[in-house]
Amino acid sequence: MTFDEYQRESKRTAIYPSWGNNFIYPSLGLTSEAGEVAGKVKKIVRDKGGVADEQTKQEIGKELGDTLWYLSQLATELGLSLSTLAEQNLAKLQSRQKRRTLHGDGDNR
């Protein structure tokens, strides 16, 4: 499945207030789901000595899927293509790698 296919198909399951004209709802959902991922990782550090067992990996995978869904809806609300975003992000990272600026601060390095 491509990013664009996922974005198109996931849009069919989007039910929230002012769908199609509400970037706030998926923004909040995205941060909420990312927080759930972070919480599960925190518990790996706290309770499991930093080692993720298969069950925990599966649980994190489900939360990552939810994060992807909200990311997709936010991109859709803003008229952005996930495929284009992925391509642009890789190009940016490859440019930084080539220029040896992967480390450091700032968006425009």
PDB file of N, CA and C in Angstrom:
ATOM      1  N   MET A   1       0.842  -1.180   0.000  1.00  0.00           N
ATOM      2  CA  MET A   1       0.000   0.000   0.000  1.00  0.00           C
ATOM      3  C   MET A   1       0.889   1.245   0.000  1.00  0.00           C
ATOM      4  N   THR A   2       0.557   2.195  -0.825  1.00  0.00           N
ATOM      5  CA  THR A   2       1.296   3.456  -0.859  1.00  0.00           C
ATOM      6  C   THR A   2       0.708   4.433   0.159  1.00  0.00           C
ATOM      7  N   PHE A   3       1.457   5.484   0.439  1.00  0.00           N
ATOM      8  CA  PHE A   3       0.945   6.522   1.322  1.00  0.00           C
ATOM      9  C   PHE A   3      -0.345   7.121   0.784  1.00  0.00           C
ATOM     10  N   ASP A   4      -0.391   7.386  -0.519  1.00  0.00           N
ATOM     11  CA  ASP A   4      -1.596   7.988  -1.094  1.00  0.00           C
ATOM     12  C   ASP A   4      -2.794   7.047  -0.994  1.00  0.00           C
ATOM     13  N   GLU A   5      -2.567   5.751  -1.183  1.00  0.00           N
ATOM     14  CA  GLU A   5      -3.656   4.784  -1.020  1.00  0.00           C
ATOM     15  C   GLU A   5      -4.146   4.777   0.421  1.00  0.00           C
ATOM     16  N   TYR A   6      -3.216   4.769   1.360  1.00  0.00           N
ATOM     17  CA  TYR A   6      -3.604   4.801   2.767  1.00  0.00           C
ATOM     18  C   TYR A   6      -4.400   6.066   3.066  1.00  0.00           C
ATOM     19  N   GLN A   7      -3.914   7.195   2.592  1.00  0.00           N
ATOM     20  CA  GLN A   7      -4.584   8.462   2.855  1.00  0.00           C
ATOM     21  C   GLN A   7      -5.999   8.456   2.291  1.00  0.00           C
ATOM     22  N   ARG A   8      -6.160   7.957   1.103  1.00  0.00           N
ATOM     23  CA  ARG A   8      -7.478   7.893   0.466  1.00  0.00           C
ATOM     24  C   ARG A   8      -8.411   6.948   1.236  1.00  0.00           C
ATOM     25  N   GLU A   9      -7.914   5.769   1.594  1.00  0.00           N
ATOM     26  CA  GLU A   9      -8.746   4.784   2.282  1.00  0.00           C
ATOM     27  C   GLU A   9      -9.054   5.198   3.723  1.00  0.00           C
ATOM     28  N   SER A  10      -8.067   5.758   4.420  1.00  0.00           N
ATOM     29  CA  SER A  10      -8.297   6.145   5.814  1.00  0.00           C
ATOM     30  C   SER A  10      -9.299   7.293   5.908  1.00  0.00           C
ATOM     31  N   LYS A  11      -9.342   8.119   4.889  1.00  0.00           N
ATOM     32  CA  LYS A  11     -10.281   9.238   4.866  1.00  0.00           C
ATOM     33  C   LYS A  11     -11.727   8.744   4.940  1.00  0.00           C
ATOM     34  N   ARG A  12     -11.977   7.549   4.427  1.00  0.00           N
ATOM     35  CA  ARG A  12     -13.335   6.991   4.442  1.00  0.00           C
ATOM     36  C   ARG A  12     -13.813   6.673   5.852  1.00  0.00           C
ATOM     37  N   THR A  13     -12.879   6.558   6.796  1.00  0.00           N
ATOM     38  CA  THR A  13     -13.256   6.235   8.170  1.00  0.00           C
ATOM     39  C   THR A  13     -13.266   7.465   9.068  1.00  0.00           C
ATOM     40  N   ALA A  14     -13.059   8.630   8.511  1.00  0.00           N
ATOM     41  CA  ALA A  14     -12.969   9.864   9.302  1.00  0.00           C
ATOM     42  C   ALA A  14     -14.361  10.375   9.662  1.00  0.00           C
ATOM     43  N   ILE A  15     -14.632  10.352  10.950  1.00  0.00           N
ATOM     44  CA  ILE A  15     -15.890  10.899  11.471  1.00  0.00           C
ATOM     45  C   ILE A  15     -15.530  11.783  12.661  1.00  0.00           C
ATOM     46  N   TYR A  16     -15.601  13.092  12.448  1.00  0.00           N
ATOM     47  CA  TYR A  16     -15.351  14.041  13.533  1.00  0.00           C
ATOM     48  C   TYR A  16     -15.973  15.373  13.153  1.00  0.00           C
ATOM     49  N   PRO A  17     -16.155  16.268  14.136  1.00  0.00           N
ATOM     50  CA  PRO A  17     -16.837  17.539  13.864  1.00  0.00           C
ATOM     51  C   PRO A  17     -16.191  18.320  12.721  1.00  0.00           C
ATOM     52  N   SER A  18     -17.015  18.843  11.853  1.00  0.00           N
ATOM     53  CA  SER A  18     -16.590  19.685  10.724  1.00  0.00           C
ATOM     54  C   SER A  18     -15.540  19.012   9.859  1.00  0.00           C
ATOM     55  N   TRP A  19     -15.695  17.680   9.668  1.00  0.00           N
ATOM     56  CA  TRP A  19     -14.764  16.943   8.810  1.00  0.00           C
ATOM     57  C   TRP A  19     -14.633  17.659   7.476  1.00  0.00           C
ATOM     58  N   GLY A  20     -13.421  17.762   6.981  1.00  0.00           N
ATOM     59  CA  GLY A  20     -13.148  18.438   5.716  1.00  0.00           C
ATOM     60  C   GLY A  20     -12.833  19.908   5.887  1.00  0.00           C
ATOM     61  N   ASN A  21     -13.051  20.412   7.102  1.00  0.00           N
ATOM     62  CA  ASN A  21     -12.764  21.818   7.381  1.00  0.00           C
ATOM     63  C   ASN A  21     -12.358  21.980   8.844  1.00  0.00           C
ATOM     64  N   ASN A  22     -11.546  21.032   9.334  1.00  0.00           N
ATOM     65  CA  ASN A  22     -11.186  21.042  10.747  1.00  0.00           C
ATOM     66  C   ASN A  22      -9.816  20.397  10.938  1.00  0.00           C
ATOM     67  N   PHE A  23      -8.775  21.175  10.869  1.00  0.00           N
ATOM     68  CA  PHE A  23      -7.433  20.626  11.080  1.00  0.00           C
ATOM     69  C   PHE A  23      -7.095  20.522  12.568  1.00  0.00           C
ATOM     70  N   ILE A  24      -7.878  21.157  13.410  1.00  0.00           N
ATOM     71  CA  ILE A  24      -7.598  21.138  14.846  1.00  0.00           C
ATOM     72  C   ILE A  24      -7.830  19.750  15.431  1.00  0.00           C
ATOM     73  N   TYR A  25      -8.946  19.123  15.100  1.00  0.00           N
ATOM     74  CA  TYR A  25      -9.258  17.810  15.661  1.00  0.00           C
ATOM     75  C   TYR A  25      -8.167  16.778  15.360  1.00  0.00           C
ATOM     76  N   PRO A  26      -7.755  16.597  14.100  1.00  0.00           N
ATOM     77  CA  PRO A  26      -6.687  15.610  13.868  1.00  0.00           C
ATOM     78  C   PRO A  26      -5.339  16.035  14.456  1.00  0.00           C
ATOM     79  N   SER A  27      -5.100  17.334  14.615  1.00  0.00           N
ATOM     80  CA  SER A  27      -3.860  17.783  15.272  1.00  0.00           C
ATOM     81  C   SER A  27      -3.840  17.330  16.726  1.00  0.00           C
ATOM     82  N   LEU A  28      -4.960  17.498  17.402  1.00  0.00           N
ATOM     83  CA  LEU A  28      -5.051  17.069  18.800  1.00  0.00           C
ATOM     84  C   LEU A  28      -4.975  15.552  18.914  1.00  0.00           C
ATOM     85  N   GLY A  29      -5.628  14.850  17.995  1.00  0.00           N
ATOM     86  CA  GLY A  29      -5.558  13.391  17.996  1.00  0.00           C
ATOM     87  C   GLY A  29      -4.148  12.888  17.756  1.00  0.00           C
ATOM     88  N   LEU A  30      -3.422  13.544  16.858  1.00  0.00           N
ATOM     89  CA  LEU A  30      -2.048  13.155  16.552  1.00  0.00           C
ATOM     90  C   LEU A  30      -1.165  13.278  17.796  1.00  0.00           C
ATOM     91  N   THR A  31      -1.274  14.391  18.487  1.00  0.00           N
ATOM     92  CA  THR A  31      -0.447  14.561  19.681  1.00  0.00           C
ATOM     93  C   THR A  31      -0.874  13.603  20.789  1.00  0.00           C
ATOM     94  N   SER A  32      -2.162  13.334  20.898  1.00  0.00           N
ATOM     95  CA  SER A  32      -2.649  12.386  21.893  1.00  0.00           C
ATOM     96  C   SER A  32      -2.105  10.986  21.638  1.00  0.00           C
ATOM     97  N   GLU A  33      -2.169  10.535  20.409  1.00  0.00           N
ATOM     98  CA  GLU A  33      -1.669   9.195  20.069  1.00  0.00           C
ATOM     99  C   GLU A  33      -0.156   9.112  20.210  1.00  0.00           C
ATOM    100  N   ALA A  34       0.551  10.172  19.832  1.00  0.00           N
ATOM    101  CA  ALA A  34       2.006  10.179  20.016  1.00  0.00           C
ATOM    102  C   ALA A  34       2.341  10.091  21.503  1.00  0.00           C
ATOM    103  N   GLY A  35       1.532  10.734  22.329  1.00  0.00           N
ATOM    104  CA  GLY A  35       1.717  10.629  23.767  1.00  0.00           C
ATOM    105  C   GLY A  35       1.506   9.217  24.281  1.00  0.00           C
ATOM    106  N   GLU A  36       0.542   8.505  23.690  1.00  0.00           N
ATOM    107  CA  GLU A  36       0.313   7.118  24.085  1.00  0.00           C
ATOM    108  C   GLU A  36       1.515   6.247  23.711  1.00  0.00           C
ATOM    109  N   VAL A  37       2.104   6.496  22.556  1.00  0.00           N
ATOM    110  CA  VAL A  37       3.315   5.769  22.165  1.00  0.00           C
ATOM    111  C   VAL A  37       4.414   6.046  23.185  1.00  0.00           C
ATOM    112  N   ALA A  38       4.622   7.314  23.501  1.00  0.00           N
ATOM    113  CA  ALA A  38       5.665   7.687  24.459  1.00  0.00           C
ATOM    114  C   ALA A  38       5.413   7.059  25.821  1.00  0.00           C
ATOM    115  N   GLY A  39       4.153   6.998  26.233  1.00  0.00           N
ATOM    116  CA  GLY A  39       3.830   6.395  27.522  1.00  0.00           C
ATOM    117  C   GLY A  39       4.179   4.921  27.572  1.00  0.00           C
ATOM    118  N   LYS A  40       3.914   4.206  26.487  1.00  0.00           N
ATOM    119  CA  LYS A  40       4.250   2.782  26.434  1.00  0.00           C
ATOM    120  C   LYS A  40       5.769   2.581  26.436  1.00  0.00           C
ATOM    121  N   VAL A  41       6.491   3.445  25.744  1.00  0.00           N
ATOM    122  CA  VAL A  41       7.955   3.359  25.737  1.00  0.00           C
ATOM    123  C   VAL A  41       8.495   3.670  27.129  1.00  0.00           C
ATOM    124  N   LYS A  42       7.917   4.662  27.791  1.00  0.00           N
ATOM    125  CA  LYS A  42       8.330   5.002  29.155  1.00  0.00           C
ATOM    126  C   LYS A  42       8.188   3.800  30.076  1.00  0.00           C
ATOM    127  N   LYS A  43       7.098   3.068  29.930  1.00  0.00           N
ATOM    128  CA  LYS A  43       6.875   1.899  30.784  1.00  0.00           C
ATOM    129  C   LYS A  43       7.863   0.772  30.476  1.00  0.00           C
ATOM    130  N   ILE A  44       8.342   0.708  29.238  1.00  0.00           N
ATOM    131  CA  ILE A  44       9.394  -0.269  28.905  1.00  0.00           C
ATOM    132  C   ILE A  44      10.652   0.061  29.700  1.00  0.00           C
ATOM    133  N   VAL A  45      10.984   1.349  29.748  1.00  0.00           N
ATOM    134  CA  VAL A  45      12.171   1.778  30.492  1.00  0.00           C
ATOM    135  C   VAL A  45      11.970   1.543  31.990  1.00  0.00           C
ATOM    136  N   ARG A  46      10.796   1.915  32.478  1.00  0.00           N
ATOM    137  CA  ARG A  46      10.535   1.815  33.919  1.00  0.00           C
ATOM    138  C   ARG A  46      10.361   0.376  34.403  1.00  0.00           C
ATOM    139  N   ASP A  47       9.589  -0.415  33.650  1.00  0.00           N
ATOM    140  CA  ASP A  47       9.169  -1.729  34.142  1.00  0.00           C
ATOM    141  C   ASP A  47       9.890  -2.921  33.533  1.00  0.00           C
ATOM    142  N   LYS A  48      10.540  -2.718  32.397  1.00  0.00           N
ATOM    143  CA  LYS A  48      11.090  -3.875  31.677  1.00  0.00           C
ATOM    144  C   LYS A  48      12.574  -3.734  31.368  1.00  0.00           C
ATOM    145  N   GLY A  49      13.243  -2.872  32.092  1.00  0.00           N
ATOM    146  CA  GLY A  49      14.677  -2.711  31.900  1.00  0.00           C
ATOM    147  C   GLY A  49      15.068  -2.240  30.513  1.00  0.00           C
ATOM    148  N   GLY A  50      14.172  -1.555  29.837  1.00  0.00           N
ATOM    149  CA  GLY A  50      14.462  -1.039  28.507  1.00  0.00           C
ATOM    150  C   GLY A  50      14.322  -2.055  27.389  1.00  0.00           C
ATOM    151  N   VAL A  51      13.773  -3.233  27.687  1.00  0.00           N
ATOM    152  CA  VAL A  51      13.628  -4.288  26.685  1.00  0.00           C
ATOM    153  C   VAL A  51      12.148  -4.454  26.339  1.00  0.00           C
ATOM    154  N   ALA A  52      11.819  -4.291  25.064  1.00  0.00           N
ATOM    155  CA  ALA A  52      10.433  -4.424  24.604  1.00  0.00           C
ATOM    156  C   ALA A  52      10.148  -5.872  24.229  1.00  0.00           C
ATOM    157  N   ASP A  53       9.178  -6.473  24.905  1.00  0.00           N
ATOM    158  CA  ASP A  53       8.773  -7.829  24.528  1.00  0.00           C
ATOM    159  C   ASP A  53       7.815  -7.747  23.336  1.00  0.00           C
ATOM    160  N   GLU A  54       7.494  -8.888  22.775  1.00  0.00           N
ATOM    161  CA  GLU A  54       6.663  -8.914  21.559  1.00  0.00           C
ATOM    162  C   GLU A  54       5.280  -8.318  21.793  1.00  0.00           C
ATOM    163  N   GLN A  55       4.679  -8.596  22.928  1.00  0.00           N
ATOM    164  CA  GLN A  55       3.350  -8.046  23.210  1.00  0.00           C
ATOM    165  C   GLN A  55       3.389  -6.528  23.250  1.00  0.00           C
ATOM    166  N   THR A  56       4.405  -5.991  23.906  1.00  0.00           N
ATOM    167  CA  THR A  56       4.537  -4.540  23.997  1.00  0.00           C
ATOM    168  C   THR A  56       4.806  -3.925  22.630  1.00  0.00           C
ATOM    169  N   LYS A  57       5.608  -4.591  21.832  1.00  0.00           N
ATOM    170  CA  LYS A  57       5.855  -4.106  20.471  1.00  0.00           C
ATOM    171  C   LYS A  57       4.552  -4.050  19.684  1.00  0.00           C
ATOM    172  N   GLN A  58       3.713  -5.069  19.835  1.00  0.00           N
ATOM    173  CA  GLN A  58       2.425  -5.094  19.143  1.00  0.00           C
ATOM    174  C   GLN A  58       1.526  -3.955  19.631  1.00  0.00           C
ATOM    175  N   GLU A  59       1.528  -3.713  20.936  1.00  0.00           N
ATOM    176  CA  GLU A  59       0.726  -2.622  21.491  1.00  0.00           C
ATOM    177  C   GLU A  59       1.207  -1.270  20.966  1.00  0.00           C
ATOM    178  N   ILE A  60       2.510  -1.092  20.925  1.00  0.00           N
ATOM    179  CA  ILE A  60       3.061   0.161  20.382  1.00  0.00           C
ATOM    180  C   ILE A  60       2.715   0.272  18.901  1.00  0.00           C
ATOM    181  N   GLY A  61       2.775  -0.843  18.184  1.00  0.00           N
ATOM    182  CA  GLY A  61       2.413  -0.835  16.770  1.00  0.00           C
ATOM    183  C   GLY A  61       0.993  -0.353  16.545  1.00  0.00           C
ATOM    184  N   LYS A  62       0.072  -0.770  17.402  1.00  0.00           N
ATOM    185  CA  LYS A  62      -1.319  -0.301  17.280  1.00  0.00           C
ATOM    186  C   LYS A  62      -1.404   1.202  17.480  1.00  0.00           C
ATOM    187  N   GLU A  63      -0.676   1.708  18.464  1.00  0.00           N
ATOM    188  CA  GLU A  63      -0.677   3.152  18.707  1.00  0.00           C
ATOM    189  C   GLU A  63      -0.011   3.906  17.554  1.00  0.00           C
ATOM    190  N   LEU A  64       1.042   3.327  16.981  1.00  0.00           N
ATOM    191  CA  LEU A  64       1.662   3.953  15.804  1.00  0.00           C
ATOM    192  C   LEU A  64       0.683   4.002  14.640  1.00  0.00           C
ATOM    193  N   GLY A  65      -0.114   2.946  14.484  1.00  0.00           N
ATOM    194  CA  GLY A  65      -1.145   2.948  13.449  1.00  0.00           C
ATOM    195  C   GLY A  65      -2.153   4.063  13.672  1.00  0.00           C
ATOM    196  N   ASP A  66      -2.566   4.260  14.924  1.00  0.00           N
ATOM    197  CA  ASP A  66      -3.487   5.361  15.233  1.00  0.00           C
ATOM    198  C   ASP A  66      -2.832   6.703  14.954  1.00  0.00           C
ATOM    199  N   THR A  67      -1.533   6.813  15.260  1.00  0.00           N
ATOM    200  CA  THR A  67      -0.795   8.039  14.972  1.00  0.00           C
ATOM    201  C   THR A  67      -0.771   8.308  13.468  1.00  0.00           C
ATOM    202  N   LEU A  68      -0.548   7.253  12.692  1.00  0.00           N
ATOM    203  CA  LEU A  68      -0.555   7.380  11.235  1.00  0.00           C
ATOM    204  C   LEU A  68      -1.912   7.857  10.736  1.00  0.00           C
ATOM    205  N   TRP A  69      -2.986   7.330  11.329  1.00  0.00           N
ATOM    206  CA  TRP A  69      -4.334   7.720  10.908  1.00  0.00           C
ATOM    207  C   TRP A  69      -4.532   9.219  11.117  1.00  0.00           C
ATOM    208  N   TYR A  70      -4.181   9.711  12.307  1.00  0.00           N
ATOM    209  CA  TYR A  70      -4.361  11.138  12.576  1.00  0.00           C
ATOM    210  C   TYR A  70      -3.442  11.992  11.708  1.00  0.00           C
ATOM    211  N   LEU A  71      -2.221  11.539  11.471  1.00  0.00           N
ATOM    212  CA  LEU A  71      -1.324  12.247  10.564  1.00  0.00           C
ATOM    213  C   LEU A  71      -1.948  12.352   9.174  1.00  0.00           C
ATOM    214  N   SER A  72      -2.517  11.260   8.730  1.00  0.00           N
ATOM    215  CA  SER A  72      -3.154  11.233   7.416  1.00  0.00           C
ATOM    216  C   SER A  72      -4.325  12.203   7.349  1.00  0.00           C
ATOM    217  N   GLN A  73      -5.145  12.217   8.397  1.00  0.00           N
ATOM    218  CA  GLN A  73      -6.300  13.123   8.396  1.00  0.00           C
ATOM    219  C   GLN A  73      -5.861  14.578   8.442  1.00  0.00           C
ATOM    220  N   LEU A  74      -4.822  14.877   9.209  1.00  0.00           N
ATOM    221  CA  LEU A  74      -4.313  16.242   9.263  1.00  0.00           C
ATOM    222  C   LEU A  74      -3.788  16.672   7.899  1.00  0.00           C
ATOM    223  N   ALA A  75      -3.027  15.794   7.258  1.00  0.00           N
ATOM    224  CA  ALA A  75      -2.532  16.115   5.913  1.00  0.00           C
ATOM    225  C   ALA A  75      -3.694  16.342   4.955  1.00  0.00           C
ATOM    226  N   THR A  76      -4.708  15.500   5.035  1.00  0.00           N
ATOM    227  CA  THR A  76      -5.882  15.646   4.169  1.00  0.00           C
ATOM    228  C   THR A  76      -6.570  16.975   4.421  1.00  0.00           C
ATOM    229  N   GLU A  77      -6.765  17.313   5.692  1.00  0.00           N
ATOM    230  CA  GLU A  77      -7.424  18.590   6.034  1.00  0.00           C
ATOM    231  C   GLU A  77      -6.656  19.782   5.474  1.00  0.00           C
ATOM    232  N   LEU A  78      -5.331  19.652   5.397  1.00  0.00           N
ATOM    233  CA  LEU A  78      -4.499  20.754   4.896  1.00  0.00           C
ATOM    234  C   LEU A  78      -4.238  20.668   3.397  1.00  0.00           C
ATOM    235  N   GLY A  79      -4.829  19.645   2.741  1.00  0.00           N
ATOM    236  CA  GLY A  79      -4.646  19.500   1.300  1.00  0.00           C
ATOM    237  C   GLY A  79      -3.256  19.029   0.921  1.00  0.00           C
ATOM    238  N   LEU A  80      -2.614  18.276   1.807  1.00  0.00           N
ATOM    239  CA  LEU A  80      -1.261  17.786   1.566  1.00  0.00           C
ATOM    240  C   LEU A  80      -1.276  16.293   1.283  1.00  0.00           C
ATOM    241  N   SER A  81      -0.381  15.851   0.447  1.00  0.00           N
ATOM    242  CA  SER A  81      -0.245  14.443   0.098  1.00  0.00           C
ATOM    243  C   SER A  81       0.813  13.791   0.981  1.00  0.00           C
ATOM    244  N   LEU A  82       0.460  12.666   1.615  1.00  0.00           N
ATOM    245  CA  LEU A  82       1.440  11.944   2.423  1.00  0.00           C
ATOM    246  C   LEU A  82       2.644  11.521   1.595  1.00  0.00           C
ATOM    247  N   SER A  83       2.414  11.081   0.372  1.00  0.00           N
ATOM    248  CA  SER A  83       3.533  10.685  -0.494  1.00  0.00           C
ATOM    249  C   SER A  83       4.479  11.852  -0.748  1.00  0.00           C
ATOM    250  N   THR A  84       3.915  13.005  -1.022  1.00  0.00           N
ATOM    251  CA  THR A  84       4.732  14.189  -1.250  1.00  0.00           C
ATOM    252  C   THR A  84       5.488  14.569   0.009  1.00  0.00           C
ATOM    253  N   LEU A  85       4.815  14.519   1.150  1.00  0.00           N
ATOM    254  CA  LEU A  85       5.482  14.831   2.414  1.00  0.00           C
ATOM    255  C   LEU A  85       6.642  13.878   2.669  1.00  0.00           C
ATOM    256  N   ALA A  86       6.417  12.585   2.412  1.00  0.00           N
ATOM    257  CA  ALA A  86       7.479  11.587   2.623  1.00  0.00           C
ATOM    258  C   ALA A  86       8.660  11.849   1.694  1.00  0.00           C
ATOM    259  N   GLU A  87       8.381  12.131   0.434  1.00  0.00           N
ATOM    260  CA  GLU A  87       9.449  12.406  -0.531  1.00  0.00           C
ATOM    261  C   GLU A  87      10.228  13.655  -0.151  1.00  0.00           C
ATOM    262  N   GLN A  88       9.517  14.721   0.236  1.00  0.00           N
ATOM    263  CA  GLN A  88      10.181  15.968   0.614  1.00  0.00           C
ATOM    264  C   GLN A  88      11.030  15.780   1.867  1.00  0.00           C
ATOM    265  N   ASN A  89      10.516  15.011   2.834  1.00  0.00           N
ATOM    266  CA  ASN A  89      11.251  14.778   4.056  1.00  0.00           C
ATOM    267  C   ASN A  89      12.534  13.999   3.793  1.00  0.00           C
ATOM    268  N   LEU A  90      12.448  12.958   2.971  1.00  0.00           N
ATOM    269  CA  LEU A  90      13.654  12.194   2.634  1.00  0.00           C
ATOM    270  C   LEU A  90      14.669  13.058   1.898  1.00  0.00           C
ATOM    271  N   ALA A  91      14.194  13.878   0.972  1.00  0.00           N
ATOM    272  CA  ALA A  91      15.111  14.764   0.239  1.00  0.00           C
ATOM    273  C   ALA A  91      15.816  15.713   1.198  1.00  0.00           C
ATOM    274  N   LYS A  92      15.068  16.260   2.165  1.00  0.00           N
ATOM    275  CA  LYS A  92      15.658  17.159   3.156  1.00  0.00           C
ATOM    276  C   LYS A  92      16.719  16.426   3.982  1.00  0.00           C
ATOM    277  N   LEU A  93      16.394  15.228   4.445  1.00  0.00           N
ATOM    278  CA  LEU A  93      17.329  14.468   5.273  1.00  0.00           C
ATOM    279  C   LEU A  93      18.563  14.040   4.487  1.00  0.00           C
ATOM    280  N   GLN A  94      18.359  13.641   3.241  1.00  0.00           N
ATOM    281  CA  GLN A  94      19.497  13.247   2.410  1.00  0.00           C
ATOM    282  C   GLN A  94      20.411  14.436   2.145  1.00  0.00           C
ATOM    283  N   SER A  95      19.815  15.616   1.958  1.00  0.00           N
ATOM    284  CA  SER A  95      20.611  16.823   1.765  1.00  0.00           C
ATOM    285  C   SER A  95      21.431  17.124   3.023  1.00  0.00           C
ATOM    286  N   ARG A  96      20.792  17.004   4.181  1.00  0.00           N
ATOM    287  CA  ARG A  96      21.515  17.234   5.434  1.00  0.00           C
ATOM    288  C   ARG A  96      22.629  16.218   5.618  1.00  0.00           C
ATOM    289  N   GLN A  97      22.351  14.975   5.261  1.00  0.00           N
ATOM    290  CA  GLN A  97      23.367  13.933   5.399  1.00  0.00           C
ATOM    291  C   GLN A  97      24.554  14.248   4.500  1.00  0.00           C
ATOM    292  N   LYS A  98      24.266  14.642   3.279  1.00  0.00           N
ATOM    293  CA  LYS A  98      25.330  14.963   2.322  1.00  0.00           C
ATOM    294  C   LYS A  98      26.167  16.144   2.812  1.00  0.00           C
ATOM    295  N   ARG A  99      25.502  17.107   3.431  1.00  0.00           N
ATOM    296  CA  ARG A  99      26.198  18.295   3.939  1.00  0.00           C
ATOM    297  C   ARG A  99      26.683  18.122   5.379  1.00  0.00           C
ATOM    298  N   ARG A 100      26.493  16.928   5.913  1.00  0.00           N
ATOM    299  CA  ARG A 100      26.914  16.602   7.282  1.00  0.00           C
ATOM    300  C   ARG A 100      26.267  17.521   8.318  1.00  0.00           C
ATOM    301  N   THR A 101      24.964  17.779   8.138  1.00  0.00           N
ATOM    302  CA  THR A 101      24.240  18.624   9.089  1.00  0.00           C
ATOM    303  C   THR A 101      23.032  17.889   9.685  1.00  0.00           C
ATOM    304  N   LEU A 102      23.096  16.555   9.727  1.00  0.00           N
ATOM    305  CA  LEU A 102      22.006  15.810  10.356  1.00  0.00           C
ATOM    306  C   LEU A 102      21.911  16.148  11.841  1.00  0.00           C
ATOM    307  N   HIS A 103      23.058  16.319  12.485  1.00  0.00           N
ATOM    308  CA  HIS A 103      23.064  16.750  13.883  1.00  0.00           C
ATOM    309  C   HIS A 103      22.935  18.243  13.942  1.00  0.00           C
ATOM    310  N   GLY A 104      22.426  18.737  15.023  1.00  0.00           N
ATOM    311  CA  GLY A 104      22.341  20.178  15.195  1.00  0.00           C
ATOM    312  C   GLY A 104      20.921  20.635  15.380  1.00  0.00           C
ATOM    313  N   ASP A 105      20.746  21.929  15.403  1.00  0.00           N
ATOM    314  CA  ASP A 105      19.439  22.538  15.651  1.00  0.00           C
ATOM    315  C   ASP A 105      18.981  23.336  14.441  1.00  0.00           C
ATOM    316  N   GLY A 106      17.686  23.560  14.402  1.00  0.00           N
ATOM    317  CA  GLY A 106      17.115  24.421  13.378  1.00  0.00           C
ATOM    318  C   GLY A 106      16.498  23.657  12.238  1.00  0.00           C
ATOM    319  N   ASP A 107      15.409  24.188  11.728  1.00  0.00           N
ATOM    320  CA  ASP A 107      14.700  23.543  10.630  1.00  0.00           C
ATOM    321  C   ASP A 107      15.416  23.711   9.301  1.00  0.00           C
ATOM    322  N   ASN A 108      16.097  24.821   9.129  1.00  0.00           N
ATOM    323  CA  ASN A 108      16.689  25.167   7.829  1.00  0.00           C
ATOM    324  C   ASN A 108      18.207  25.042   7.854  1.00  0.00           C
ATOM    325  N   ARG A 109      18.712  23.877   8.196  1.00  0.00           N
ATOM    326  CA  ARG A 109      20.164  23.697   8.229  1.00  0.00           C
ATOM    327  C   ARG A 109      20.619  22.874   7.053  1.00  0.00           C
TER     328      ARG A 109
END
